[in-house]
Amino acid sequence: MQLPAHSDISASSAYGAVPAFGLINDQLGRVKELISEQLIASPNAGDINRLLEHVHGRSGKMIRPGLVLLAGCCYGKITKEHISVAAIVEMVHNATLLHDDVIDEGQVRRGKPTVNSLWGNETAVLLGDFLLSQVFKTCAELEPRITKVIAATAARLCEGELRQALQRKNWQLSESEYIDVIAEKSAALFSSCCYLGALLAKATEEQARSLSDFGLNAGIAFQITDDLLDITGDECKTGKTLGSDVTKHKLTLAVIHLLETAEKQEQSALINSYFQRKDPQYDKDSLAEMLNRHGSLEYARHRAQEYVTKAVRALAGLKESDAKDALIETAKFMASRTT
C-alpha cells in the first residue's frame, strides 16, 4: 500500500492542552515515549509503520493518561506500572477514535485528515485492531487484578457504543437512558483511569472507589460537553468533524431536552426537518438557535456542571494536595472546554 504524499505525517499538535497537567508533564512525556515504542510494527512491515506514525503524530489532550497519573500522585509516587497503564488507556482511546471515525464518516481528527478518509475504512478498522493488540501485549506484563479492570472497562465501552447504536431514531429516549449510555461508552474509561491510578499507588479499595466515582462523574460531564460541541463547536477549534450525532440520528442531552419541552406539533416538525431527512446535511446554526431558544443548550451545560460538582464531592475525603487540586481543575476543564 502506497501512502499518499499529502498525509502530512510529521504534523503534530495537541488540541486544548490541559492546564493542570503541568504537575505531571515529565511523566506524561514518559507515557508518550512508551506509546511510541508500542506503535512500531515488525521491521519488514513497511507502510504499516508510517500509518502508526500518522496516529502517534497527532497527540490529543492526553486526559485519560493524565488522570491515571494524577490519581496516583494523590496517594504516592508514580511507578513504572502507572506509566504502562497510562499508555494502555490512551492506546485504547486512540483505537476507539479510529473505529468511531469509520462509523461517523469523520473526515478530520485532531486537525488532520482521518485514516479512513485517506486510506479507507478497512485500513482504519484494522489499524484500530492493531492498537488493541498492542494493548493486549502490554497488559500481559501487568498483575492480573489490573488487567481484569482494563478488560472489564473495554467490555463496558463496547456495550455502551452498541447501546447507543441501537437507540438511534428513538425519539422517546429519556435523559436517564442517555446518561446510562454515555456512562458506559465514555465515562467508564475515565472512571477506571482514576481507580487504577489510585490502586497502583497502594490506596485502599475505598479510597480507589472514591477516585473511581470522581472519574465517572467527570467523564459524564465531559461527554455531555462533547455532545454539545458536536452542535455548537467550531471545527477549526475542535480539530474534528462535527455534526455527526444529528446526521447519524444519535440523540444527545440538548436534543432530548428540546424534544421534551417542544409542543407536540413542533416536535414532529423538528424530527422531520432535522433527524429524518434523507439528505444528511442540515442547518447546524438553525438547530443551535432552536436549542438555544428552548433553553436546551443552557440546560445541558448546567447538567454538565452538576456532574462536575458530584465529581468534586467524591474527593471530599481526600487530603489536600497539589494533585487533588489538579484533579478538580481538570474536571472543570473537561466540562467547559471549547475543543
Protein backbone atom coordinates (compact mmCIF):
# COMPACT_ATOMS: atom_id res chain seq x y z
CA MET A 1 0.00 0.00 0.00
CA GLN A 2 1.43 3.36 -1.04
CA LEU A 3 0.67 6.18 1.36
CA PRO A 4 -0.39 9.48 -0.22
CA ALA A 5 2.16 12.26 -0.09
CA HIS A 6 -0.36 14.72 1.34
CA SER A 7 -0.83 12.77 4.59
CA ASP A 8 1.50 15.16 6.45
CA ILE A 9 2.55 12.51 8.96
CA SER A 10 5.11 14.76 10.65
CA ALA A 11 2.50 17.27 11.74
CA SER A 12 1.58 17.16 15.43
CA SER A 13 -0.47 19.31 17.74
CA ALA A 14 -2.38 18.78 20.94
CA TYR A 15 -5.79 20.44 20.88
CA GLY A 16 -6.59 22.32 24.06
CA ALA A 17 -3.80 21.19 26.39
CA VAL A 18 -4.99 20.62 29.96
CA PRO A 19 -3.55 23.40 32.19
CA ALA A 20 -3.42 21.27 35.35
CA PHE A 21 -1.20 18.68 33.67
CA GLY A 22 1.87 20.84 34.23
CA LEU A 23 2.20 18.94 37.51
CA ILE A 24 2.80 15.67 35.65
CA ASN A 25 4.44 16.95 32.49
CA ASP A 26 7.58 14.80 32.81
CA GLN A 27 5.59 11.63 33.50
CA LEU A 28 3.28 12.31 30.54
CA GLY A 29 6.41 12.58 28.42
CA ARG A 30 7.37 9.06 29.53
CA VAL A 31 3.89 7.85 28.63
CA LYS A 32 4.22 9.28 25.13
CA GLU A 33 7.62 7.60 24.75
CA LEU A 34 6.16 4.24 25.76
CA ILE A 35 3.27 4.64 23.33
CA SER A 36 5.78 5.45 20.59
CA GLU A 37 7.66 2.24 21.40
CA GLN A 38 4.44 0.23 21.24
CA LEU A 39 3.32 1.73 17.94
CA ILE A 40 6.00 0.03 15.90
CA ALA A 41 5.36 -2.98 13.70
CA SER A 42 7.94 -5.55 12.58
CA PRO A 43 10.96 -4.22 10.61
CA ASN A 44 9.61 -5.56 7.31
CA ALA A 45 6.14 -4.04 7.87
CA GLY A 46 6.88 -1.12 5.55
CA ASP A 47 3.97 1.31 5.23
CA ILE A 48 2.30 -0.01 8.38
CA ASN A 49 4.85 1.88 10.47
CA ARG A 50 4.07 5.06 8.56
CA LEU A 51 0.39 4.57 9.36
CA LEU A 52 1.26 4.17 13.02
CA GLU A 53 3.32 7.37 12.87
CA HIS A 54 0.26 9.08 11.42
CA VAL A 55 -1.71 8.10 14.53
CA HIS A 56 1.00 8.82 17.09
CA GLY A 57 1.95 12.10 15.42
CA ARG A 58 -1.43 13.56 16.32
CA SER A 59 -1.41 13.53 20.09
CA GLY A 60 -4.58 14.73 21.77
CA LYS A 61 -5.13 16.21 25.21
CA MET A 62 -3.96 13.01 26.99
CA ILE A 63 -6.74 13.47 29.57
CA ARG A 64 -7.13 9.78 30.32
CA PRO A 65 -3.46 9.00 30.99
CA GLY A 66 -3.25 12.29 32.88
CA LEU A 67 -5.99 11.11 35.24
CA VAL A 68 -4.12 7.85 35.88
CA LEU A 69 -1.05 9.84 36.90
CA LEU A 70 -2.83 12.47 38.99
CA ALA A 71 -4.83 9.81 40.86
CA GLY A 72 -1.55 8.06 41.60
CA CYS A 73 0.03 11.28 42.84
CA CYS A 74 -2.82 11.64 45.35
CA TYR A 75 -1.67 8.53 47.20
CA GLY A 76 2.01 8.07 46.45
CA LYS A 77 4.69 8.16 43.80
CA ILE A 78 4.30 7.44 40.11
CA THR A 79 5.58 3.96 39.30
CA LYS A 80 6.55 2.13 36.14
CA GLU A 81 3.13 0.44 36.28
CA HIS A 82 1.42 3.84 36.26
CA ILE A 83 3.25 4.73 33.06
CA SER A 84 2.27 1.40 31.45
CA VAL A 85 -1.40 1.72 32.41
CA ALA A 86 -1.49 5.35 31.27
CA ALA A 87 -0.10 4.29 27.88
CA ILE A 88 -2.62 1.44 27.66
CA VAL A 89 -5.68 3.63 28.27
CA GLU A 90 -4.50 6.14 25.67
CA MET A 91 -3.99 3.39 23.10
CA VAL A 92 -7.47 2.03 23.85
CA HIS A 93 -8.84 5.55 23.39
CA ASN A 94 -6.99 6.04 20.09
CA ALA A 95 -8.28 2.68 18.83
CA THR A 96 -11.86 3.73 19.60
CA LEU A 97 -11.31 7.00 17.72
CA LEU A 98 -10.18 5.12 14.62
CA HIS A 99 -13.31 2.99 14.76
CA ASP A 100 -15.56 5.98 15.59
CA ASP A 101 -14.33 7.86 12.52
CA VAL A 102 -15.37 4.93 10.35
CA ILE A 103 -18.83 4.75 11.97
CA ASP A 104 -19.36 8.54 11.81
CA GLU A 105 -17.63 9.00 8.43
CA GLY A 106 -15.31 11.51 10.09
CA GLN A 107 -13.01 13.41 7.75
CA VAL A 108 -10.89 15.32 10.25
CA ARG A 109 -9.44 14.31 13.61
CA ARG A 110 -7.10 16.48 15.70
CA GLY A 111 -6.82 18.93 12.85
CA LYS A 112 -5.68 16.45 10.19
CA PRO A 113 -7.35 14.06 7.75
CA THR A 114 -8.58 10.86 9.35
CA VAL A 115 -7.11 7.48 8.47
CA ASN A 116 -10.40 6.37 6.90
CA SER A 117 -10.58 9.50 4.72
CA LEU A 118 -7.03 8.93 3.43
CA TRP A 119 -6.76 5.16 3.19
CA GLY A 120 -10.28 3.77 3.59
CA ASN A 121 -12.45 2.17 6.24
CA GLU A 122 -10.79 -1.24 6.07
CA THR A 123 -7.38 0.20 6.88
CA ALA A 124 -8.78 2.34 9.72
CA VAL A 125 -10.57 -0.61 11.34
CA LEU A 126 -7.53 -2.87 11.07
CA LEU A 127 -5.25 -0.15 12.40
CA GLY A 128 -7.55 0.24 15.42
CA ASP A 129 -7.38 -3.52 15.90
CA PHE A 130 -3.57 -3.36 15.76
CA LEU A 131 -3.56 -0.79 18.57
CA LEU A 132 -5.77 -3.08 20.65
CA SER A 133 -3.41 -6.00 20.01
CA GLN A 134 -0.57 -3.88 21.40
CA VAL A 135 -2.74 -3.21 24.45
CA PHE A 136 -3.17 -6.97 24.98
CA LYS A 137 0.59 -7.44 24.79
CA THR A 138 1.31 -4.68 27.31
CA CYS A 139 -1.42 -5.94 29.65
CA ALA A 140 0.27 -9.33 29.79
CA GLU A 141 3.09 -7.71 31.78
CA LEU A 142 0.74 -6.37 34.47
CA GLU A 143 -0.63 -8.09 37.55
CA PRO A 144 -3.95 -9.92 36.98
CA ARG A 145 -6.15 -7.60 39.08
CA ILE A 146 -5.09 -4.60 36.96
CA THR A 147 -5.60 -6.50 33.70
CA LYS A 148 -9.08 -7.57 34.81
CA VAL A 149 -10.10 -3.94 35.36
CA ILE A 150 -8.82 -2.93 31.92
CA ALA A 151 -10.58 -5.86 30.23
CA ALA A 152 -13.86 -5.14 32.04
CA THR A 153 -13.63 -1.48 31.06
CA ALA A 154 -13.09 -2.34 27.38
CA ALA A 155 -16.22 -4.51 27.51
CA ARG A 156 -18.20 -1.65 29.06
CA LEU A 157 -17.07 0.77 26.33
CA CYS A 158 -18.21 -1.60 23.59
CA GLU A 159 -21.51 -2.25 25.35
CA GLY A 160 -22.14 1.48 25.62
CA GLU A 161 -21.41 2.04 21.93
CA LEU A 162 -23.73 -0.83 20.98
CA ARG A 163 -26.49 0.56 23.19
CA GLN A 164 -26.15 3.97 21.55
CA ALA A 165 -26.29 2.41 18.07
CA LEU A 166 -29.46 0.54 18.97
CA GLN A 167 -31.07 3.73 20.30
CA ARG A 168 -30.74 5.66 17.04
CA LYS A 169 -34.03 7.25 15.98
CA ASN A 170 -35.52 6.52 19.38
CA TRP A 171 -37.25 9.87 19.75
CA GLN A 172 -38.55 8.86 23.19
CA LEU A 173 -35.08 8.30 24.64
CA SER A 174 -35.07 9.72 28.19
CA GLU A 175 -32.36 11.71 29.89
CA SER A 176 -31.66 8.90 32.36
CA GLU A 177 -31.28 6.41 29.50
CA TYR A 178 -28.91 8.80 27.74
CA ILE A 179 -26.83 9.18 30.92
CA ASP A 180 -26.66 5.40 31.27
CA VAL A 181 -25.34 5.09 27.71
CA ILE A 182 -22.63 7.75 28.00
CA ALA A 183 -21.60 6.41 31.41
CA GLU A 184 -20.75 3.13 29.69
CA LYS A 185 -19.43 4.25 26.31
CA SER A 186 -17.27 7.11 27.59
CA ALA A 187 -17.24 7.84 31.33
CA ALA A 188 -16.34 4.25 32.28
CA LEU A 189 -12.83 4.76 30.91
CA PHE A 190 -12.32 7.97 32.91
CA SER A 191 -13.55 6.13 36.00
CA SER A 192 -11.15 3.23 35.52
CA CYS A 193 -8.24 5.59 34.88
CA CYS A 194 -8.72 7.19 38.29
CA TYR A 195 -9.38 3.87 40.01
CA LEU A 196 -6.27 2.22 38.57
CA GLY A 197 -4.08 5.24 39.31
CA ALA A 198 -5.07 5.13 42.96
CA LEU A 199 -4.85 1.34 43.22
CA LEU A 200 -1.32 1.27 41.77
CA ALA A 201 -0.29 3.86 44.38
CA LYS A 202 -1.37 1.44 47.15
CA ALA A 203 -4.59 3.27 48.01
CA THR A 204 -7.22 1.24 49.85
CA GLU A 205 -10.17 -0.14 47.92
CA GLU A 206 -12.42 2.51 49.50
CA GLN A 207 -10.03 5.29 48.52
CA ALA A 208 -9.73 3.94 44.98
CA ARG A 209 -13.53 3.78 44.71
CA SER A 210 -13.75 7.46 45.63
CA LEU A 211 -11.41 8.27 42.76
CA SER A 212 -13.48 5.99 40.53
CA ASP A 213 -16.63 7.97 41.40
CA PHE A 214 -14.78 11.18 40.64
CA GLY A 215 -13.76 9.87 37.22
CA LEU A 216 -17.22 8.61 36.36
CA ASN A 217 -18.93 11.93 37.10
CA ALA A 218 -16.19 13.97 35.43
CA GLY A 219 -16.47 11.65 32.43
CA ILE A 220 -20.23 12.16 32.16
CA ALA A 221 -19.64 15.93 32.25
CA PHE A 222 -17.00 15.50 29.53
CA GLN A 223 -19.36 13.60 27.24
CA ILE A 224 -22.28 15.99 27.72
CA THR A 225 -19.91 18.81 26.73
CA ASP A 226 -18.53 16.82 23.80
CA ASP A 227 -22.06 16.25 22.53
CA LEU A 228 -22.78 19.98 22.81
CA LEU A 229 -19.65 20.79 20.81
CA ASP A 230 -20.89 18.49 18.05
CA ILE A 231 -23.68 21.02 17.51
CA THR A 232 -22.21 24.36 18.62
CA GLY A 233 -18.47 23.84 18.15
CA ASP A 234 -16.11 25.31 15.58
CA GLU A 235 -14.33 22.64 13.54
CA CYS A 236 -11.27 24.88 13.27
CA LYS A 237 -11.02 24.87 17.07
CA THR A 238 -12.11 21.30 17.82
CA GLY A 239 -9.97 19.87 15.05
CA LYS A 240 -12.53 17.19 14.17
CA THR A 241 -15.62 16.64 12.01
CA LEU A 242 -18.76 17.93 13.74
CA GLY A 243 -22.47 17.30 13.25
CA SER A 244 -22.26 13.51 13.12
CA ASP A 245 -24.68 12.99 16.02
CA VAL A 246 -27.54 14.60 14.11
CA THR A 247 -26.71 13.03 10.74
CA LYS A 248 -26.39 9.60 12.39
CA HIS A 249 -29.62 10.08 14.40
CA LYS A 250 -27.94 9.92 17.80
CA LEU A 251 -29.93 11.73 20.47
CA THR A 252 -27.88 13.83 22.88
CA LEU A 253 -28.92 15.70 26.01
CA ALA A 254 -29.73 19.08 24.45
CA VAL A 255 -31.87 17.43 21.76
CA ILE A 256 -33.62 15.20 24.33
CA HIS A 257 -34.46 18.32 26.35
CA LEU A 258 -35.74 20.09 23.23
CA LEU A 259 -37.99 17.19 22.26
CA GLU A 260 -39.36 17.04 25.81
CA THR A 261 -40.11 20.78 26.03
CA ALA A 262 -41.34 21.48 22.49
CA GLU A 263 -45.04 21.38 21.65
CA LYS A 264 -46.13 18.11 20.04
CA GLN A 265 -46.67 19.68 16.62
CA GLU A 266 -43.30 21.44 16.76
CA GLN A 267 -41.71 18.22 17.96
CA SER A 268 -42.93 16.34 14.89
CA ALA A 269 -41.74 19.13 12.60
CA LEU A 270 -38.37 19.11 14.31
CA ILE A 271 -37.92 15.37 13.85
CA ASN A 272 -38.95 15.56 10.20
CA SER A 273 -36.81 18.61 9.46
CA TYR A 274 -33.57 17.67 11.18
CA PHE A 275 -33.49 13.99 12.01
CA GLN A 276 -35.30 12.06 9.31
CA ARG A 277 -34.12 13.74 6.14
CA LYS A 278 -32.59 11.51 3.50
CA ASP A 279 -30.12 14.29 2.81
CA PRO A 280 -27.56 14.04 5.67
CA GLN A 281 -26.83 17.75 5.56
CA TYR A 282 -28.62 20.05 7.96
CA ASP A 283 -28.52 23.67 9.05
CA LYS A 284 -26.36 23.46 12.17
CA ASP A 285 -26.78 27.14 13.02
CA SER A 286 -30.56 26.90 12.75
CA LEU A 287 -30.67 23.86 15.02
CA ALA A 288 -28.35 25.53 17.54
CA GLU A 289 -30.61 28.61 17.52
CA MET A 290 -33.68 26.47 18.19
CA LEU A 291 -31.90 24.63 21.01
CA ASN A 292 -30.85 27.95 22.47
CA ARG A 293 -34.36 29.40 22.19
CA HIS A 294 -35.82 26.50 24.15
CA GLY A 295 -33.09 26.70 26.79
CA SER A 296 -31.77 23.27 25.78
CA LEU A 297 -28.16 24.34 25.36
CA GLU A 298 -28.12 26.03 28.74
CA TYR A 299 -29.83 23.03 30.30
CA ALA A 300 -27.14 20.66 29.00
CA ARG A 301 -24.37 22.99 30.17
CA HIS A 302 -26.00 23.18 33.61
CA ARG A 303 -26.24 19.41 33.85
CA ALA A 304 -22.56 19.07 32.91
CA GLN A 305 -21.65 21.44 35.74
CA GLU A 306 -23.80 19.43 38.14
CA TYR A 307 -21.76 16.34 37.32
CA VAL A 308 -18.56 18.30 37.90
CA THR A 309 -19.92 19.19 41.34
CA LYS A 310 -20.60 15.49 42.00
CA ALA A 311 -17.07 14.67 40.88
CA VAL A 312 -15.51 17.21 43.24
CA ARG A 313 -17.72 15.99 46.07
CA ALA A 314 -16.35 12.47 45.59
CA LEU A 315 -12.91 13.80 46.58
CA ALA A 316 -14.14 15.23 49.90
CA GLY A 317 -12.29 12.60 51.95
CA LEU A 318 -9.03 13.03 50.08
CA LYS A 319 -6.32 15.01 51.86
CA GLU A 320 -5.39 18.36 50.38
CA SER A 321 -2.58 18.27 47.85
CA ASP A 322 -1.45 19.73 44.54
CA ALA A 323 -2.62 16.51 42.85
CA LYS A 324 -6.13 16.85 44.31
CA ASP A 325 -6.30 20.47 43.17
CA ALA A 326 -5.16 19.38 39.71
CA LEU A 327 -7.90 16.74 39.53
CA ILE A 328 -10.55 19.31 40.44
CA GLU A 329 -9.18 21.77 37.90
CA THR A 330 -9.17 19.02 35.27
CA ALA A 331 -12.82 18.12 35.92
CA LYS A 332 -13.79 21.77 35.50
CA PHE A 333 -11.73 21.96 32.30
CA MET A 334 -13.44 18.85 30.90
CA ALA A 335 -16.88 20.46 31.24
CA SER A 336 -16.00 23.94 29.98
CA ARG A 337 -13.68 23.27 27.06
CA THR A 338 -14.31 24.56 23.54
CA THR A 339 -12.12 21.99 21.78
